[in-house]
Every structure is written in structure tokens, then in C-alpha cells.
Amino acid sequence: MTKALGLLQQAREHMLAMKTDKATEHLEKFESLVAAGEVSKEAASECAEVLRSIRMLAEAMRDGLSAAQRQLDEITALSRNLDTYDRQGQKVDCQVGKGRDQRF
């Protein structure tokens, strides 16, 4: 196994373990090897396959984070107004929290 391929495989393993900072370090080291021309043509096809796998993982992570953010936004919106009732059974509107400040 070449050094470049090893770096990519380690980066992939770190992504699977949700250690994105370590994965980024390995990808940057791989990038410097490519820039220096130290990746052989024989290793290039294997590296391309691992890079495709890393890209698919990154896209899945992005999609998962987006879905989680949407769910949190929905939960936050639903939890702002809780339907409560008084002793006579009349609905009392009770706002739990004020609106979240938007930065952008």
C-alpha cells in the first residue's frame, strides 16, 4: 500500500468515526503528496476509488446534518406554544419561549 492510499483510508476511517478534524488532516497530507507528484499512476486508480467513497460519506454526513437541523427547527417551533387547559377545560395559550434570534 502506498503512503497516499494509506492516508486516504485513514481519512475514511476517521470520517466513519465522526473525527472530521483528523480526517481533514489526512486529506491535506494526501493533497500535498498529489501536489508534489508523489502519487504513482498505479496508485491513482485505487486512490480515486477511496476518494469516491470519502465523497459519498461527506455527502451523507451533510444530508444527515441538514435533516437533523430541520427536525430541531420543527421541534423548536412546536414547543413554543403548548396547549394547556385550565380547571374548567378552557384552552389557555401559554407561550413557553420567545422566538429564536436569527443571525443571518
PDB file of N, CA and C in Angstrom:
ATOM      1  N   MET A   1       0.841  -1.174   0.000  1.00  0.00           N
ATOM      2  CA  MET A   1       0.000   0.000   0.000  1.00  0.00           C
ATOM      3  C   MET A   1       0.891   1.244   0.000  1.00  0.00           C
ATOM      4  N   THR A   2       0.518   2.181  -0.833  1.00  0.00           N
ATOM      5  CA  THR A   2       1.302   3.414  -0.910  1.00  0.00           C
ATOM      6  C   THR A   2       0.923   4.348   0.236  1.00  0.00           C
ATOM      7  N   LYS A   3       1.773   5.321   0.457  1.00  0.00           N
ATOM      8  CA  LYS A   3       1.533   6.284   1.523  1.00  0.00           C
ATOM      9  C   LYS A   3       0.244   7.063   1.259  1.00  0.00           C
ATOM     10  N   ALA A   4       0.036   7.452   0.008  1.00  0.00           N
ATOM     11  CA  ALA A   4      -1.155   8.226  -0.356  1.00  0.00           C
ATOM     12  C   ALA A   4      -2.422   7.423  -0.097  1.00  0.00           C
ATOM     13  N   LEU A   5      -2.426   6.172  -0.504  1.00  0.00           N
ATOM     14  CA  LEU A   5      -3.597   5.325  -0.296  1.00  0.00           C
ATOM     15  C   LEU A   5      -3.849   5.112   1.194  1.00  0.00           C
ATOM     16  N   GLY A   6      -2.790   4.941   1.954  1.00  0.00           N
ATOM     17  CA  GLY A   6      -2.924   4.790   3.403  1.00  0.00           C
ATOM     18  C   GLY A   6      -3.538   6.016   4.049  1.00  0.00           C
ATOM     19  N   LEU A   7      -3.120   7.194   3.599  1.00  0.00           N
ATOM     20  CA  LEU A   7      -3.682   8.431   4.129  1.00  0.00           C
ATOM     21  C   LEU A   7      -5.177   8.534   3.844  1.00  0.00           C
ATOM     22  N   LEU A   8      -5.558   8.156   2.634  1.00  0.00           N
ATOM     23  CA  LEU A   8      -6.974   8.215   2.272  1.00  0.00           C
ATOM     24  C   LEU A   8      -7.804   7.225   3.085  1.00  0.00           C
ATOM     25  N   GLN A   9      -7.279   6.033   3.273  1.00  0.00           N
ATOM     26  CA  GLN A   9      -8.016   5.037   4.044  1.00  0.00           C
ATOM     27  C   GLN A   9      -8.153   5.464   5.504  1.00  0.00           C
ATOM     28  N   GLN A  10      -7.110   6.082   6.040  1.00  0.00           N
ATOM     29  CA  GLN A  10      -7.193   6.588   7.410  1.00  0.00           C
ATOM     30  C   GLN A  10      -8.215   7.724   7.498  1.00  0.00           C
ATOM     31  N   ALA A  11      -8.218   8.584   6.493  1.00  0.00           N
ATOM     32  CA  ALA A  11      -9.187   9.683   6.469  1.00  0.00           C
ATOM     33  C   ALA A  11     -10.609   9.128   6.447  1.00  0.00           C
ATOM     34  N   ARG A  12     -10.829   8.098   5.658  1.00  0.00           N
ATOM     35  CA  ARG A  12     -12.156   7.469   5.573  1.00  0.00           C
ATOM     36  C   ARG A  12     -12.564   6.879   6.920  1.00  0.00           C
ATOM     37  N   GLU A  13     -11.635   6.202   7.577  1.00  0.00           N
ATOM     38  CA  GLU A  13     -11.925   5.612   8.892  1.00  0.00           C
ATOM     39  C   GLU A  13     -12.255   6.695   9.918  1.00  0.00           C
ATOM     40  N   HIS A  14     -11.537   7.805   9.865  1.00  0.00           N
ATOM     41  CA  HIS A  14     -11.816   8.906  10.789  1.00  0.00           C
ATOM     42  C   HIS A  14     -13.191   9.510  10.512  1.00  0.00           C
ATOM     43  N   MET A  15     -13.574   9.589   9.245  1.00  0.00           N
ATOM     44  CA  MET A  15     -14.903  10.105   8.919  1.00  0.00           C
ATOM     45  C   MET A  15     -15.981   9.178   9.469  1.00  0.00           C
ATOM     46  N   LEU A  16     -15.773   7.882   9.337  1.00  0.00           N
ATOM     47  CA  LEU A  16     -16.748   6.932   9.864  1.00  0.00           C
ATOM     48  C   LEU A  16     -16.863   7.041  11.387  1.00  0.00           C
ATOM     49  N   ALA A  17     -15.770   7.407  12.034  1.00  0.00           N
ATOM     50  CA  ALA A  17     -15.753   7.578  13.488  1.00  0.00           C
ATOM     51  C   ALA A  17     -16.168   8.989  13.902  1.00  0.00           C
ATOM     52  N   MET A  18     -16.591   9.814  12.922  1.00  0.00           N
ATOM     53  CA  MET A  18     -17.012  11.201  13.148  1.00  0.00           C
ATOM     54  C   MET A  18     -15.887  12.070  13.709  1.00  0.00           C
ATOM     55  N   LYS A  19     -14.661  11.759  13.358  1.00  0.00           N
ATOM     56  CA  LYS A  19     -13.497  12.570  13.748  1.00  0.00           C
ATOM     57  C   LYS A  19     -13.065  13.379  12.526  1.00  0.00           C
ATOM     58  N   THR A  20     -13.857  14.388  12.216  1.00  0.00           N
ATOM     59  CA  THR A  20     -13.645  15.124  10.974  1.00  0.00           C
ATOM     60  C   THR A  20     -12.358  15.929  10.970  1.00  0.00           C
ATOM     61  N   ASP A  21     -11.906  16.377  12.131  1.00  0.00           N
ATOM     62  CA  ASP A  21     -10.659  17.139  12.161  1.00  0.00           C
ATOM     63  C   ASP A  21      -9.471  16.252  11.780  1.00  0.00           C
ATOM     64  N   LYS A  22      -9.465  15.008  12.259  1.00  0.00           N
ATOM     65  CA  LYS A  22      -8.394  14.068  11.899  1.00  0.00           C
ATOM     66  C   LYS A  22      -8.484  13.712  10.419  1.00  0.00           C
ATOM     67  N   ALA A  23      -9.699  13.513   9.929  1.00  0.00           N
ATOM     68  CA  ALA A  23      -9.889  13.191   8.516  1.00  0.00           C
ATOM     69  C   ALA A  23      -9.369  14.320   7.640  1.00  0.00           C
ATOM     70  N   THR A  24      -9.624  15.547   8.037  1.00  0.00           N
ATOM     71  CA  THR A  24      -9.157  16.702   7.284  1.00  0.00           C
ATOM     72  C   THR A  24      -7.632  16.747   7.240  1.00  0.00           C
ATOM     73  N   GLU A  25      -7.001  16.442   8.363  1.00  0.00           N
ATOM     74  CA  GLU A  25      -5.533  16.411   8.404  1.00  0.00           C
ATOM     75  C   GLU A  25      -4.980  15.413   7.387  1.00  0.00           C
ATOM     76  N   HIS A  26      -5.557  14.220   7.352  1.00  0.00           N
ATOM     77  CA  HIS A  26      -5.073  13.198   6.418  1.00  0.00           C
ATOM     78  C   HIS A  26      -5.328  13.596   4.964  1.00  0.00           C
ATOM     79  N   LEU A  27      -6.462  14.228   4.714  1.00  0.00           N
ATOM     80  CA  LEU A  27      -6.756  14.669   3.350  1.00  0.00           C
ATOM     81  C   LEU A  27      -5.804  15.780   2.908  1.00  0.00           C
ATOM     82  N   GLU A  28      -5.436  16.647   3.830  1.00  0.00           N
ATOM     83  CA  GLU A  28      -4.477  17.710   3.489  1.00  0.00           C
ATOM     84  C   GLU A  28      -3.093  17.122   3.206  1.00  0.00           C
ATOM     85  N   LYS A  29      -2.707  16.104   3.956  1.00  0.00           N
ATOM     86  CA  LYS A  29      -1.430  15.437   3.694  1.00  0.00           C
ATOM     87  C   LYS A  29      -1.466  14.747   2.333  1.00  0.00           C
ATOM     88  N   PHE A  30      -2.594  14.120   2.011  1.00  0.00           N
ATOM     89  CA  PHE A  30      -2.747  13.489   0.702  1.00  0.00           C
ATOM     90  C   PHE A  30      -2.646  14.536  -0.398  1.00  0.00           C
ATOM     91  N   GLU A  31      -3.288  15.660  -0.194  1.00  0.00           N
ATOM     92  CA  GLU A  31      -3.258  16.740  -1.185  1.00  0.00           C
ATOM     93  C   GLU A  31      -1.828  17.211  -1.438  1.00  0.00           C
ATOM     94  N   SER A  32      -1.026  17.312  -0.380  1.00  0.00           N
ATOM     95  CA  SER A  32       0.361  17.755  -0.566  1.00  0.00           C
ATOM     96  C   SER A  32       1.174  16.698  -1.319  1.00  0.00           C
ATOM     97  N   LEU A  33       0.868  15.419  -1.111  1.00  0.00           N
ATOM     98  CA  LEU A  33       1.541  14.364  -1.875  1.00  0.00           C
ATOM     99  C   LEU A  33       1.195  14.464  -3.359  1.00  0.00           C
ATOM    100  N   VAL A  34      -0.069  14.719  -3.645  1.00  0.00           N
ATOM    101  CA  VAL A  34      -0.506  14.853  -5.040  1.00  0.00           C
ATOM    102  C   VAL A  34       0.162  16.064  -5.683  1.00  0.00           C
ATOM    103  N   ALA A  35       0.196  17.172  -4.967  1.00  0.00           N
ATOM    104  CA  ALA A  35       0.815  18.395  -5.490  1.00  0.00           C
ATOM    105  C   ALA A  35       2.300  18.205  -5.753  1.00  0.00           C
ATOM    106  N   ALA A  36       2.939  17.379  -4.922  1.00  0.00           N
ATOM    107  CA  ALA A  36       4.375  17.123  -5.096  1.00  0.00           C
ATOM    108  C   ALA A  36       4.643  16.049  -6.154  1.00  0.00           C
ATOM    109  N   GLY A  37       3.592  15.458  -6.704  1.00  0.00           N
ATOM    110  CA  GLY A  37       3.748  14.432  -7.735  1.00  0.00           C
ATOM    111  C   GLY A  37       4.230  13.094  -7.196  1.00  0.00           C
ATOM    112  N   GLU A  38       3.933  12.818  -5.943  1.00  0.00           N
ATOM    113  CA  GLU A  38       4.409  11.589  -5.317  1.00  0.00           C
ATOM    114  C   GLU A  38       3.413  10.433  -5.380  1.00  0.00           C
ATOM    115  N   VAL A  39       2.323  10.597  -6.119  1.00  0.00           N
ATOM    116  CA  VAL A  39       1.341   9.523  -6.263  1.00  0.00           C
ATOM    117  C   VAL A  39       1.564   8.871  -7.624  1.00  0.00           C
ATOM    118  N   SER A  40       1.865   7.587  -7.601  1.00  0.00           N
ATOM    119  CA  SER A  40       2.137   6.873  -8.854  1.00  0.00           C
ATOM    120  C   SER A  40       0.852   6.647  -9.637  1.00  0.00           C
ATOM    121  N   LYS A  41       1.001   6.418 -10.926  1.00  0.00           N
ATOM    122  CA  LYS A  41      -0.169   6.176 -11.768  1.00  0.00           C
ATOM    123  C   LYS A  41      -0.883   4.894 -11.364  1.00  0.00           C
ATOM    124  N   GLU A  42      -0.129   3.918 -10.874  1.00  0.00           N
ATOM    125  CA  GLU A  42      -0.730   2.663 -10.446  1.00  0.00           C
ATOM    126  C   GLU A  42      -1.630   2.875  -9.226  1.00  0.00           C
ATOM    127  N   ALA A  43      -1.190   3.740  -8.330  1.00  0.00           N
ATOM    128  CA  ALA A  43      -1.959   4.001  -7.108  1.00  0.00           C
ATOM    129  C   ALA A  43      -3.108   4.970  -7.350  1.00  0.00           C
ATOM    130  N   ALA A  44      -3.068   5.692  -8.452  1.00  0.00           N
ATOM    131  CA  ALA A  44      -4.070   6.726  -8.718  1.00  0.00           C
ATOM    132  C   ALA A  44      -5.478   6.154  -8.816  1.00  0.00           C
ATOM    133  N   SER A  45      -5.648   4.997  -9.472  1.00  0.00           N
ATOM    134  CA  SER A  45      -6.994   4.425  -9.611  1.00  0.00           C
ATOM    135  C   SER A  45      -7.528   3.953  -8.260  1.00  0.00           C
ATOM    136  N   GLU A  46      -6.652   3.374  -7.436  1.00  0.00           N
ATOM    137  CA  GLU A  46      -7.090   2.953  -6.108  1.00  0.00           C
ATOM    138  C   GLU A  46      -7.439   4.174  -5.256  1.00  0.00           C
ATOM    139  N   CYS A  47      -6.636   5.218  -5.363  1.00  0.00           N
ATOM    140  CA  CYS A  47      -6.906   6.450  -4.621  1.00  0.00           C
ATOM    141  C   CYS A  47      -8.227   7.064  -5.078  1.00  0.00           C
ATOM    142  N   ALA A  48      -8.497   7.020  -6.365  1.00  0.00           N
ATOM    143  CA  ALA A  48      -9.743   7.580  -6.891  1.00  0.00           C
ATOM    144  C   ALA A  48     -10.947   6.844  -6.315  1.00  0.00           C
ATOM    145  N   GLU A  49     -10.832   5.529  -6.168  1.00  0.00           N
ATOM    146  CA  GLU A  49     -11.930   4.743  -5.600  1.00  0.00           C
ATOM    147  C   GLU A  49     -12.189   5.118  -4.142  1.00  0.00           C
ATOM    148  N   VAL A  50     -11.124   5.269  -3.371  1.00  0.00           N
ATOM    149  CA  VAL A  50     -11.275   5.655  -1.967  1.00  0.00           C
ATOM    150  C   VAL A  50     -11.799   7.084  -1.871  1.00  0.00           C
ATOM    151  N   LEU A  51     -11.352   7.957  -2.760  1.00  0.00           N
ATOM    152  CA  LEU A  51     -11.850   9.334  -2.768  1.00  0.00           C
ATOM    153  C   LEU A  51     -13.347   9.384  -3.066  1.00  0.00           C
ATOM    154  N   ARG A  52     -13.823   8.523  -3.968  1.00  0.00           N
ATOM    155  CA  ARG A  52     -15.261   8.452  -4.246  1.00  0.00           C
ATOM    156  C   ARG A  52     -16.017   8.031  -2.985  1.00  0.00           C
ATOM    157  N   SER A  53     -15.462   7.077  -2.278  1.00  0.00           N
ATOM    158  CA  SER A  53     -16.084   6.624  -1.034  1.00  0.00           C
ATOM    159  C   SER A  53     -16.128   7.746   0.000  1.00  0.00           C
ATOM    160  N   ILE A  54     -15.046   8.491   0.115  1.00  0.00           N
ATOM    161  CA  ILE A  54     -14.989   9.618   1.056  1.00  0.00           C
ATOM    162  C   ILE A  54     -16.009  10.684   0.663  1.00  0.00           C
ATOM    163  N   ARG A  55     -16.126  10.935  -0.631  1.00  0.00           N
ATOM    164  CA  ARG A  55     -17.092  11.933  -1.098  1.00  0.00           C
ATOM    165  C   ARG A  55     -18.521  11.512  -0.762  1.00  0.00           C
ATOM    166  N   MET A  56     -18.821  10.228  -0.958  1.00  0.00           N
ATOM    167  CA  MET A  56     -20.158   9.734  -0.633  1.00  0.00           C
ATOM    168  C   MET A  56     -20.432   9.858   0.870  1.00  0.00           C
ATOM    169  N   LEU A  57     -19.433   9.562   1.681  1.00  0.00           N
ATOM    170  CA  LEU A  57     -19.588   9.718   3.129  1.00  0.00           C
ATOM    171  C   LEU A  57     -19.839  11.174   3.502  1.00  0.00           C
ATOM    172  N   ALA A  58     -19.088  12.078   2.902  1.00  0.00           N
ATOM    173  CA  ALA A  58     -19.245  13.502   3.195  1.00  0.00           C
ATOM    174  C   ALA A  58     -20.641  13.988   2.795  1.00  0.00           C
ATOM    175  N   GLU A  59     -21.127  13.534   1.657  1.00  0.00           N
ATOM    176  CA  GLU A  59     -22.470  13.923   1.220  1.00  0.00           C
ATOM    177  C   GLU A  59     -23.529  13.368   2.161  1.00  0.00           C
ATOM    178  N   ALA A  60     -23.354  12.128   2.605  1.00  0.00           N
ATOM    179  CA  ALA A  60     -24.307  11.530   3.543  1.00  0.00           C
ATOM    180  C   ALA A  60     -24.288  12.264   4.882  1.00  0.00           C
ATOM    181  N   MET A  61     -23.089  12.649   5.332  1.00  0.00           N
ATOM    182  CA  MET A  61     -22.987  13.407   6.577  1.00  0.00           C
ATOM    183  C   MET A  61     -23.690  14.757   6.441  1.00  0.00           C
ATOM    184  N   ARG A  62     -23.476  15.421   5.312  1.00  0.00           N
ATOM    185  CA  ARG A  62     -24.119  16.716   5.068  1.00  0.00           C
ATOM    186  C   ARG A  62     -25.641  16.579   5.073  1.00  0.00           C
ATOM    187  N   ASP A  63     -26.146  15.556   4.378  1.00  0.00           N
ATOM    188  CA  ASP A  63     -27.589  15.344   4.316  1.00  0.00           C
ATOM    189  C   ASP A  63     -28.165  15.021   5.693  1.00  0.00           C
ATOM    190  N   GLY A  64     -27.435  14.223   6.465  1.00  0.00           N
ATOM    191  CA  GLY A  64     -27.890  13.879   7.806  1.00  0.00           C
ATOM    192  C   GLY A  64     -27.934  15.093   8.720  1.00  0.00           C
ATOM    193  N   LEU A  65     -26.922  15.938   8.621  1.00  0.00           N
ATOM    194  CA  LEU A  65     -26.909  17.155   9.438  1.00  0.00           C
ATOM    195  C   LEU A  65     -28.037  18.103   9.047  1.00  0.00           C
ATOM    196  N   SER A  66     -28.312  18.191   7.762  1.00  0.00           N
ATOM    197  CA  SER A  66     -29.415  19.049   7.304  1.00  0.00           C
ATOM    198  C   SER A  66     -30.755  18.532   7.819  1.00  0.00           C
ATOM    199  N   ALA A  67     -30.938  17.216   7.767  1.00  0.00           N
ATOM    200  CA  ALA A  67     -32.182  16.624   8.261  1.00  0.00           C
ATOM    201  C   ALA A  67     -32.323  16.840   9.764  1.00  0.00           C
ATOM    202  N   ALA A  68     -31.233  16.685  10.494  1.00  0.00           N
ATOM    203  CA  ALA A  68     -31.279  16.906  11.942  1.00  0.00           C
ATOM    204  C   ALA A  68     -31.607  18.359  12.253  1.00  0.00           C
ATOM    205  N   GLN A  69     -31.043  19.298  11.501  1.00  0.00           N
ATOM    206  CA  GLN A  69     -31.332  20.714  11.715  1.00  0.00           C
ATOM    207  C   GLN A  69     -32.801  21.015  11.447  1.00  0.00           C
ATOM    208  N   ARG A  70     -33.346  20.434  10.379  1.00  0.00           N
ATOM    209  CA  ARG A  70     -34.769  20.645  10.078  1.00  0.00           C
ATOM    210  C   ARG A  70     -35.644  20.101  11.209  1.00  0.00           C
ATOM    211  N   GLN A  71     -35.290  18.929  11.728  1.00  0.00           N
ATOM    212  CA  GLN A  71     -36.067  18.349  12.822  1.00  0.00           C
ATOM    213  C   GLN A  71     -35.987  19.210  14.080  1.00  0.00           C
ATOM    214  N   LEU A  72     -34.797  19.705  14.395  1.00  0.00           N
ATOM    215  CA  LEU A  72     -34.657  20.573  15.564  1.00  0.00           C
ATOM    216  C   LEU A  72     -35.460  21.861  15.395  1.00  0.00           C
ATOM    217  N   ASP A  73     -35.442  22.425  14.195  1.00  0.00           N
ATOM    218  CA  ASP A  73     -36.227  23.633  13.933  1.00  0.00           C
ATOM    219  C   ASP A  73     -37.718  23.361  14.117  1.00  0.00           C
ATOM    220  N   GLU A  74     -38.169  22.203  13.654  1.00  0.00           N
ATOM    221  CA  GLU A  74     -39.582  21.836  13.792  1.00  0.00           C
ATOM    222  C   GLU A  74     -39.950  21.624  15.261  1.00  0.00           C
ATOM    223  N   ILE A  75     -39.108  20.935  15.994  1.00  0.00           N
ATOM    224  CA  ILE A  75     -39.354  20.709  17.422  1.00  0.00           C
ATOM    225  C   ILE A  75     -39.393  22.035  18.167  1.00  0.00           C
ATOM    226  N   THR A  76     -38.464  22.921  17.840  1.00  0.00           N
ATOM    227  CA  THR A  76     -38.428  24.234  18.492  1.00  0.00           C
ATOM    228  C   THR A  76     -39.699  25.019  18.199  1.00  0.00           C
ATOM    229  N   ALA A  77     -40.134  24.993  16.949  1.00  0.00           N
ATOM    230  CA  ALA A  77     -41.347  25.725  16.576  1.00  0.00           C
ATOM    231  C   ALA A  77     -42.571  25.145  17.288  1.00  0.00           C
ATOM    232  N   LEU A  78     -42.656  23.831  17.361  1.00  0.00           N
ATOM    233  CA  LEU A  78     -43.806  23.203  18.012  1.00  0.00           C
ATOM    234  C   LEU A  78     -43.802  23.410  19.518  1.00  0.00           C
ATOM    235  N   SER A  79     -42.637  23.500  20.106  1.00  0.00           N
ATOM    236  CA  SER A  79     -42.568  23.616  21.562  1.00  0.00           C
ATOM    237  C   SER A  79     -42.792  25.038  22.057  1.00  0.00           C
ATOM    238  N   ARG A  80     -42.827  25.991  21.178  1.00  0.00           N
ATOM    239  CA  ARG A  80     -43.019  27.383  21.613  1.00  0.00           C
ATOM    240  C   ARG A  80     -44.406  27.615  22.198  1.00  0.00           C
ATOM    241  N   ASN A  81     -45.390  26.969  21.643  1.00  0.00           N
ATOM    242  CA  ASN A  81     -46.761  27.124  22.141  1.00  0.00           C
ATOM    243  C   ASN A  81     -47.282  25.760  22.569  1.00  0.00           C
ATOM    244  N   LEU A  82     -47.475  25.626  23.848  1.00  0.00           N
ATOM    245  CA  LEU A  82     -48.053  24.395  24.368  1.00  0.00           C
ATOM    246  C   LEU A  82     -49.526  24.647  24.665  1.00  0.00           C
ATOM    247  N   ASP A  83     -50.338  23.718  24.276  1.00  0.00           N
ATOM    248  CA  ASP A  83     -51.755  23.841  24.588  1.00  0.00           C
ATOM    249  C   ASP A  83     -51.972  23.349  26.015  1.00  0.00           C
ATOM    250  N   THR A  84     -52.422  24.244  26.850  1.00  0.00           N
ATOM    251  CA  THR A  84     -52.741  23.886  28.232  1.00  0.00           C
ATOM    252  C   THR A  84     -54.181  24.277  28.499  1.00  0.00           C
ATOM    253  N   TYR A  85     -54.760  23.663  29.513  1.00  0.00           N
ATOM    254  CA  TYR A  85     -56.158  23.894  29.828  1.00  0.00           C
ATOM    255  C   TYR A  85     -56.293  24.237  31.304  1.00  0.00           C
ATOM    256  N   ASP A  86     -57.251  25.121  31.599  1.00  0.00           N
ATOM    257  CA  ASP A  86     -57.493  25.461  32.996  1.00  0.00           C
ATOM    258  C   ASP A  86     -58.440  24.439  33.607  1.00  0.00           C
ATOM    259  N   ARG A  87     -58.827  24.646  34.856  1.00  0.00           N
ATOM    260  CA  ARG A  87     -59.669  23.684  35.580  1.00  0.00           C
ATOM    261  C   ARG A  87     -61.063  23.548  34.957  1.00  0.00           C
ATOM    262  N   GLN A  88     -61.496  24.553  34.254  1.00  0.00           N
ATOM    263  CA  GLN A  88     -62.819  24.498  33.621  1.00  0.00           C
ATOM    264  C   GLN A  88     -62.755  23.868  32.226  1.00  0.00           C
ATOM    265  N   GLY A  89     -61.565  23.479  31.784  1.00  0.00           N
ATOM    266  CA  GLY A  89     -61.426  22.849  30.477  1.00  0.00           C
ATOM    267  C   GLY A  89     -61.247  23.842  29.344  1.00  0.00           C
ATOM    268  N   GLN A  90     -61.028  25.088  29.685  1.00  0.00           N
ATOM    269  CA  GLN A  90     -60.826  26.111  28.669  1.00  0.00           C
ATOM    270  C   GLN A  90     -59.354  26.128  28.262  1.00  0.00           C
ATOM    271  N   LYS A  91     -59.137  26.229  26.989  1.00  0.00           N
ATOM    272  CA  LYS A  91     -57.769  26.261  26.472  1.00  0.00           C
ATOM    273  C   LYS A  91     -57.099  27.577  26.872  1.00  0.00           C
ATOM    274  N   VAL A  92     -55.888  27.457  27.407  1.00  0.00           N
ATOM    275  CA  VAL A  92     -55.113  28.615  27.810  1.00  0.00           C
ATOM    276  C   VAL A  92     -53.864  28.650  26.940  1.00  0.00           C
ATOM    277  N   ASP A  93     -53.667  29.757  26.248  1.00  0.00           N
ATOM    278  CA  ASP A  93     -52.476  29.864  25.398  1.00  0.00           C
ATOM    279  C   ASP A  93     -51.309  30.268  26.271  1.00  0.00           C
ATOM    280  N   CYS A  94     -50.298  29.446  26.291  1.00  0.00           N
ATOM    281  CA  CYS A  94     -49.140  29.690  27.144  1.00  0.00           C
ATOM    282  C   CYS A  94     -47.890  29.593  26.284  1.00  0.00           C
ATOM    283  N   GLN A  95     -47.327  30.738  25.972  1.00  0.00           N
ATOM    284  CA  GLN A  95     -46.107  30.721  25.160  1.00  0.00           C
ATOM    285  C   GLN A  95     -44.926  30.376  26.057  1.00  0.00           C
ATOM    286  N   VAL A  96     -44.207  29.315  25.687  1.00  0.00           N
ATOM    287  CA  VAL A  96     -43.126  28.801  26.509  1.00  0.00           C
ATOM    288  C   VAL A  96     -41.862  29.626  26.362  1.00  0.00           C
ATOM    289  N   GLY A  97     -41.459  29.889  25.165  1.00  0.00           N
ATOM    290  CA  GLY A  97     -40.201  30.617  24.946  1.00  0.00           C
ATOM    291  C   GLY A  97     -40.389  31.662  23.869  1.00  0.00           C
ATOM    292  N   LYS A  98     -39.558  32.665  23.944  1.00  0.00           N
ATOM    293  CA  LYS A  98     -39.640  33.677  22.910  1.00  0.00           C
ATOM    294  C   LYS A  98     -38.964  33.173  21.651  1.00  0.00           C
ATOM    295  N   GLY A  99     -39.211  33.811  20.556  1.00  0.00           N
ATOM    296  CA  GLY A  99     -38.645  33.414  19.276  1.00  0.00           C
ATOM    297  C   GLY A  99     -37.138  33.418  19.282  1.00  0.00           C
ATOM    298  N   ARG A 100     -36.575  32.532  18.541  1.00  0.00           N
ATOM    299  CA  ARG A 100     -35.113  32.429  18.465  1.00  0.00           C
ATOM    300  C   ARG A 100     -34.580  33.522  17.559  1.00  0.00           C
ATOM    301  N   ASP A 101     -33.531  34.175  17.991  1.00  0.00           N
ATOM    302  CA  ASP A 101     -32.911  35.224  17.179  1.00  0.00           C
ATOM    303  C   ASP A 101     -32.217  34.599  15.981  1.00  0.00           C
ATOM    304  N   GLN A 102     -32.418  35.186  14.845  1.00  0.00           N
ATOM    305  CA  GLN A 102     -31.756  34.721  13.631  1.00  0.00           C
ATOM    306  C   GLN A 102     -30.523  35.566  13.393  1.00  0.00           C
ATOM    307  N   ARG A 103     -29.414  34.930  13.129  1.00  0.00           N
ATOM    308  CA  ARG A 103     -28.183  35.663  12.880  1.00  0.00           C
ATOM    309  C   ARG A 103     -28.069  36.148  11.448  1.00  0.00           C
ATOM    310  N   PHE A 104     -28.650  35.396  10.554  1.00  0.00           N
ATOM    311  CA  PHE A 104     -28.482  35.723   9.138  1.00  0.00           C
ATOM    312  C   PHE A 104     -29.806  35.954   8.486  1.00  0.00           C
TER     313      PHE A 104
END
